[in-house]
């Protein structure tokens, strides 16, 4: 199947993007790497009037390190971020999750912000953004605003981004002293969509645990900082509360079991890695 007809616009500045979105709004779609949008166009699941290619805007192709966060522009590919010097030291959870995204070929085209915009509940980057308490920078002719990750993802492939806005960047906190980070994922093959993915952030007093691939959006849980049987009970409670469903890839019961097993492995590793 071929995509329906659309106009193609390649703006040179962020202001040009604002102008197109202000004019065409709900009939325009942003394209960066195109790893999600192009298949949707081909299957006619997306029917935009205007396609706005942002990959030629230099201001969006930057990675900037601040004192306590990493700012990743909308044109930064997953491969570029993975190759960024110091990523493992600055944010080990992000460095651990990136190699699980698709394959080398798709990572070379797919963008970090594009994954956030697509909001697939099995995707690794939204899960990491939620685990770390990151923010999404939205931009439009009306101005810019920062939205916390927990407020940005509102449903399956649904976000708080308005029709005249686009994701200009995401900001991800850097590693905090005294905290450990770990990521675990299970899929049928490496690079496939995750059946279950887990991230753990362990501090001296707090334990944040995030599960993807089970519900419509990744589930964020703040667990008691326990060990042994008490940790098993806490993970069991998380697994039971998740809205797990049967599908072609796994049963709900199997997903809940993976949550318990991957979750324990992630928590234990995060605790071992506390600096």
Protein backbone atom coordinates (compact mmCIF):
# COMPACT_ATOMS: atom_id res chain seq x y z
CA UNK A 1 0.00 0.00 0.00
CA UNK A 2 1.17 3.54 -0.76
CA UNK A 3 0.74 6.63 1.44
CA UNK A 4 -2.00 9.12 0.61
CA UNK A 5 -0.95 12.40 -1.01
CA UNK A 6 0.59 15.05 1.23
CA UNK A 7 2.61 18.25 0.97
CA UNK A 8 6.23 18.01 2.10
CA UNK A 9 7.89 20.92 3.90
CA UNK A 10 11.55 21.09 4.95
CA UNK A 11 11.90 24.13 7.25
CA UNK A 12 15.30 25.64 7.97
CA UNK A 13 14.55 27.12 11.41
CA UNK A 14 12.45 26.33 14.45
CA UNK A 15 10.41 29.47 13.71
CA UNK A 16 9.51 28.00 10.30
CA UNK A 17 8.21 24.86 12.03
CA UNK A 18 6.07 27.02 14.31
CA UNK A 19 4.55 28.79 11.32
CA UNK A 20 3.59 25.55 9.56
CA UNK A 21 2.08 24.03 12.70
CA UNK A 22 0.18 27.22 13.49
CA UNK A 23 -1.35 27.17 10.02
CA UNK A 24 -2.02 23.46 9.53
CA UNK A 25 -2.17 22.20 13.14
CA UNK A 26 -4.04 18.91 13.34
CA UNK A 27 -3.41 18.19 9.63
CA UNK A 28 0.39 18.40 9.94
CA UNK A 29 2.80 15.76 11.20
CA UNK A 30 6.43 16.15 12.20
CA UNK A 31 8.87 13.66 10.68
CA UNK A 32 12.42 13.15 11.93
CA UNK A 33 13.87 9.65 11.57
CA UNK A 34 10.57 8.30 10.26
CA UNK A 35 11.02 4.82 11.76
CA UNK A 36 7.49 4.86 13.19
CA UNK A 37 5.70 7.38 10.98
CA UNK A 38 6.70 6.03 7.55
CA UNK A 39 5.15 2.57 8.16
CA UNK A 40 2.02 4.27 9.48
CA UNK A 41 1.85 6.38 6.31
CA UNK A 42 2.31 3.32 4.11
CA UNK A 43 -0.53 1.50 5.91
CA UNK A 44 -2.61 4.71 5.81
CA UNK A 45 -2.94 4.71 9.58
CA UNK A 46 -1.69 8.31 9.39
CA UNK A 47 -3.11 10.71 6.78
CA UNK A 48 -1.46 14.12 7.23
CA UNK A 49 -2.05 16.98 4.86
CA UNK A 50 1.47 18.27 5.48
CA UNK A 51 4.63 16.41 6.45
CA UNK A 52 7.21 18.61 8.21
CA UNK A 53 10.81 17.33 8.02
CA UNK A 54 12.86 18.82 10.89
CA UNK A 55 16.13 16.97 10.27
CA UNK A 56 17.83 19.86 8.43
CA UNK A 57 17.58 22.28 11.40
CA UNK A 58 21.02 22.54 13.06
CA UNK A 59 19.63 23.83 16.36
CA UNK A 60 17.73 20.56 16.87
CA UNK A 61 20.72 18.26 16.28
CA UNK A 62 22.55 19.02 19.52
CA UNK A 63 23.26 17.26 22.81
CA UNK A 64 24.04 19.63 25.68
CA UNK A 65 25.26 18.61 29.12
CA UNK A 66 24.33 20.80 32.06
CA UNK A 67 25.25 20.46 35.71
CA UNK A 68 22.37 18.10 36.43
CA UNK A 69 20.74 17.20 33.12
CA UNK A 70 21.32 16.22 29.49
CA UNK A 71 19.35 18.16 26.87
CA UNK A 72 18.72 16.15 23.71
CA UNK A 73 17.42 17.96 20.63
CA UNK A 74 14.66 16.66 18.37
CA UNK A 75 17.08 15.86 15.55
CA UNK A 76 19.45 13.70 17.61
CA UNK A 77 19.42 10.06 16.53
CA UNK A 78 19.61 7.18 18.94
CA UNK A 79 22.98 6.20 17.47
CA UNK A 80 24.38 9.70 17.99
CA UNK A 81 23.32 9.68 21.63
CA UNK A 82 24.74 6.19 22.17
CA UNK A 83 28.08 7.36 20.75
CA UNK A 84 28.10 10.58 22.79
CA UNK A 85 31.26 10.64 24.97
CA UNK A 86 30.58 10.23 28.66
CA UNK A 87 27.01 8.96 28.34
CA UNK A 88 27.60 5.91 30.55
CA UNK A 89 29.06 8.05 33.32
CA UNK A 90 26.53 10.85 33.05
CA UNK A 91 23.44 8.63 32.81
CA UNK A 92 24.03 4.86 32.99
CA UNK A 93 20.34 3.95 32.74
CA UNK A 94 20.01 5.66 29.36
CA UNK A 95 23.26 4.06 28.18
CA UNK A 96 21.99 0.62 29.23
CA UNK A 97 18.61 0.96 27.50
CA UNK A 98 19.68 2.42 24.13
CA UNK A 99 21.28 -0.78 22.70
CA UNK A 100 17.94 -2.57 23.16
CA UNK A 101 16.15 -0.21 20.78
CA UNK A 102 15.57 -1.91 17.44
CA UNK A 103 18.72 -2.57 15.42
CA UNK A 104 21.79 -0.61 14.38
CA UNK A 105 20.08 0.35 11.12
CA UNK A 106 16.94 1.71 12.79
CA UNK A 107 18.89 3.46 15.56
CA UNK A 108 20.93 5.31 12.93
CA UNK A 109 17.72 6.94 11.66
CA UNK A 110 15.35 6.88 14.61
CA UNK A 111 15.50 9.89 16.94
CA UNK A 112 15.30 10.06 20.72
CA UNK A 113 12.50 12.63 20.69
CA UNK A 114 10.67 10.72 17.95
CA UNK A 115 10.37 7.72 20.27
CA UNK A 116 9.00 9.99 23.00
CA UNK A 117 6.49 11.53 20.57
CA UNK A 118 5.32 8.11 19.35
CA UNK A 119 4.70 7.02 22.96
CA UNK A 120 4.68 3.28 22.32
CA UNK A 121 4.12 1.57 25.70
CA UNK A 122 6.84 -0.99 24.85
CA UNK A 123 9.45 1.63 23.90
CA UNK A 124 12.60 1.98 25.96
CA UNK A 125 13.15 5.75 25.86
CA UNK A 126 9.76 6.75 27.33
CA UNK A 127 10.34 4.20 30.10
CA UNK A 128 13.76 5.70 30.91
CA UNK A 129 12.36 9.23 30.78
CA UNK A 130 9.73 8.26 33.36
CA UNK A 131 12.18 6.38 35.56
CA UNK A 132 14.52 9.37 35.76
CA UNK A 133 11.85 12.04 36.11
CA UNK A 134 12.76 13.74 32.84
CA UNK A 135 10.93 16.56 31.09
CA UNK A 136 9.72 17.25 27.55
CA UNK A 137 10.24 20.69 26.01
CA UNK A 138 7.29 21.58 23.77
CA UNK A 139 7.56 24.43 21.31
CA UNK A 140 5.01 26.41 19.29
CA UNK A 141 4.24 29.90 18.01
CA UNK A 142 2.57 30.51 21.39
CA UNK A 143 5.83 29.85 23.24
CA UNK A 144 7.67 27.02 24.94
CA UNK A 145 6.71 24.89 27.92
CA UNK A 146 8.28 22.09 29.94
CA UNK A 147 6.10 19.08 30.73
CA UNK A 148 7.09 16.43 33.25
CA UNK A 149 7.27 12.93 31.77
CA UNK A 150 4.56 11.63 34.09
CA UNK A 151 2.18 14.30 32.73
CA UNK A 152 3.28 13.99 29.10
CA UNK A 153 2.29 10.35 28.47
CA UNK A 154 -1.49 10.14 28.80
CA UNK A 155 -2.37 6.89 27.00
CA UNK A 156 -1.29 4.38 24.38
CA UNK A 157 0.51 6.41 21.71
CA UNK A 158 -1.13 9.52 23.15
CA UNK A 159 0.62 12.52 24.67
CA UNK A 160 -0.01 16.01 26.03
CA UNK A 161 1.51 17.61 22.91
CA UNK A 162 -1.01 20.03 21.32
CA UNK A 163 -1.68 20.13 17.58
CA UNK A 164 0.37 23.31 17.10
CA UNK A 165 3.31 22.07 19.22
CA UNK A 166 6.25 19.80 18.59
CA UNK A 167 8.90 18.29 20.84
CA UNK A 168 11.92 20.56 20.58
CA UNK A 169 14.00 18.59 23.09
CA UNK A 170 13.90 16.30 26.10
CA UNK A 171 15.85 16.85 29.29
CA UNK A 172 17.07 13.83 31.24
CA UNK A 173 18.60 14.17 34.71
CA UNK A 174 22.18 13.00 35.07
CA UNK A 175 23.18 10.29 37.54
CA UNK A 176 22.86 11.31 41.16
CA UNK A 177 25.53 10.47 43.74
CA UNK A 178 24.54 7.53 45.90
CA UNK A 179 22.10 6.15 43.30
CA UNK A 180 22.28 2.98 41.21
CA UNK A 181 20.59 2.36 37.86
CA UNK A 182 19.64 -0.82 36.00
CA UNK A 183 17.61 -1.89 32.97
CA UNK A 184 16.20 -5.28 32.01
CA UNK A 185 14.17 -6.32 28.97
CA UNK A 186 12.75 -9.48 27.47
CA UNK A 187 11.58 -9.89 23.88
CA UNK A 188 11.40 -12.80 21.46
CA UNK A 189 14.58 -11.56 19.77
CA UNK A 190 16.98 -8.76 20.61
CA UNK A 191 15.63 -5.67 18.87
CA UNK A 192 11.99 -6.80 18.88
CA UNK A 193 9.40 -4.86 20.84
CA UNK A 194 9.71 -5.63 24.53
CA UNK A 195 7.26 -8.09 26.01
CA UNK A 196 8.30 -6.63 29.36
CA UNK A 197 10.96 -4.04 30.17
CA UNK A 198 11.95 -2.85 33.64
CA UNK A 199 14.05 0.01 34.98
CA UNK A 200 15.16 0.51 38.57
CA UNK A 201 16.65 3.54 40.29
CA UNK A 202 17.92 2.75 43.77
CA UNK A 203 18.85 5.41 46.33
CA UNK A 204 19.76 4.99 49.97
CA UNK A 205 16.13 5.47 51.05
CA UNK A 206 14.00 5.28 47.90
CA UNK A 207 13.47 2.76 45.13
CA UNK A 208 11.79 3.76 41.85
CA UNK A 209 10.64 0.93 39.61
CA UNK A 210 9.13 1.35 36.13
CA UNK A 211 7.56 -1.35 33.95
CA UNK A 212 6.93 -1.08 30.20
CA UNK A 213 5.21 -3.37 27.70
CA UNK A 214 2.34 -4.35 29.97
CA UNK A 215 -0.13 -1.45 30.27
CA UNK A 216 -1.08 1.44 27.96
CA UNK A 217 1.74 3.55 29.40
CA UNK A 218 4.78 2.52 31.44
CA UNK A 219 3.83 2.04 35.08
CA UNK A 220 5.82 4.04 37.64
CA UNK A 221 6.06 2.62 41.15
CA UNK A 222 7.86 3.89 44.24
CA UNK A 223 8.65 0.74 46.22
CA UNK A 224 9.69 0.34 49.84
CA UNK A 225 13.44 -0.05 50.13
CA UNK A 226 13.23 -3.69 51.22
CA UNK A 227 15.01 -6.92 50.37
CA UNK A 228 14.43 -10.66 50.41
CA UNK A 229 10.86 -11.87 50.77
CA UNK A 230 9.58 -8.33 51.36
CA UNK A 231 10.90 -7.25 47.96
CA UNK A 232 9.27 -10.29 46.34
CA UNK A 233 5.96 -9.33 47.96
CA UNK A 234 6.28 -5.74 46.72
CA UNK A 235 7.01 -6.89 43.16
CA UNK A 236 4.12 -9.35 43.34
CA UNK A 237 1.82 -6.48 44.30
CA UNK A 238 3.05 -4.41 41.35
CA UNK A 239 2.54 -7.34 38.94
CA UNK A 240 -1.02 -7.94 40.17
CA UNK A 241 -2.02 -4.27 39.83
CA UNK A 242 -0.80 -3.92 36.25
CA UNK A 243 -3.44 -4.09 33.53
CA UNK A 244 -1.74 -7.05 31.83
CA UNK A 245 -3.62 -8.62 28.91
CA UNK A 246 -3.22 -11.63 26.66
CA UNK A 247 -2.04 -10.99 23.10
CA UNK A 248 -0.21 -12.80 20.29
CA UNK A 249 3.13 -12.44 22.07
CA UNK A 250 2.41 -13.47 25.66
CA UNK A 251 -0.31 -14.16 28.18
CA UNK A 252 -1.10 -11.77 31.00
CA UNK A 253 0.15 -14.32 33.50
CA UNK A 254 3.47 -14.68 31.69
CA UNK A 255 3.93 -10.91 31.65
CA UNK A 256 3.28 -10.71 35.39
CA UNK A 257 5.87 -13.43 35.98
CA UNK A 258 8.39 -11.49 33.88
CA UNK A 259 7.70 -8.37 35.92
CA UNK A 260 8.61 -10.25 39.08
CA UNK A 261 11.74 -11.92 37.68
CA UNK A 262 13.12 -9.02 35.62
CA UNK A 263 12.14 -6.61 38.36
CA UNK A 264 14.14 -8.42 41.02
CA UNK A 265 17.17 -8.61 38.72
CA UNK A 266 16.94 -4.88 37.93
CA UNK A 267 16.54 -3.88 41.58
CA UNK A 268 19.45 -6.03 42.71
CA UNK A 269 21.75 -4.66 40.00
CA UNK A 270 20.75 -1.05 40.73
CA UNK A 271 21.61 -1.58 44.39
CA UNK A 272 24.98 -3.08 43.52
CA UNK A 273 25.78 -0.13 41.26
CA UNK A 274 25.07 2.59 43.80
CA UNK A 275 27.98 5.01 43.77
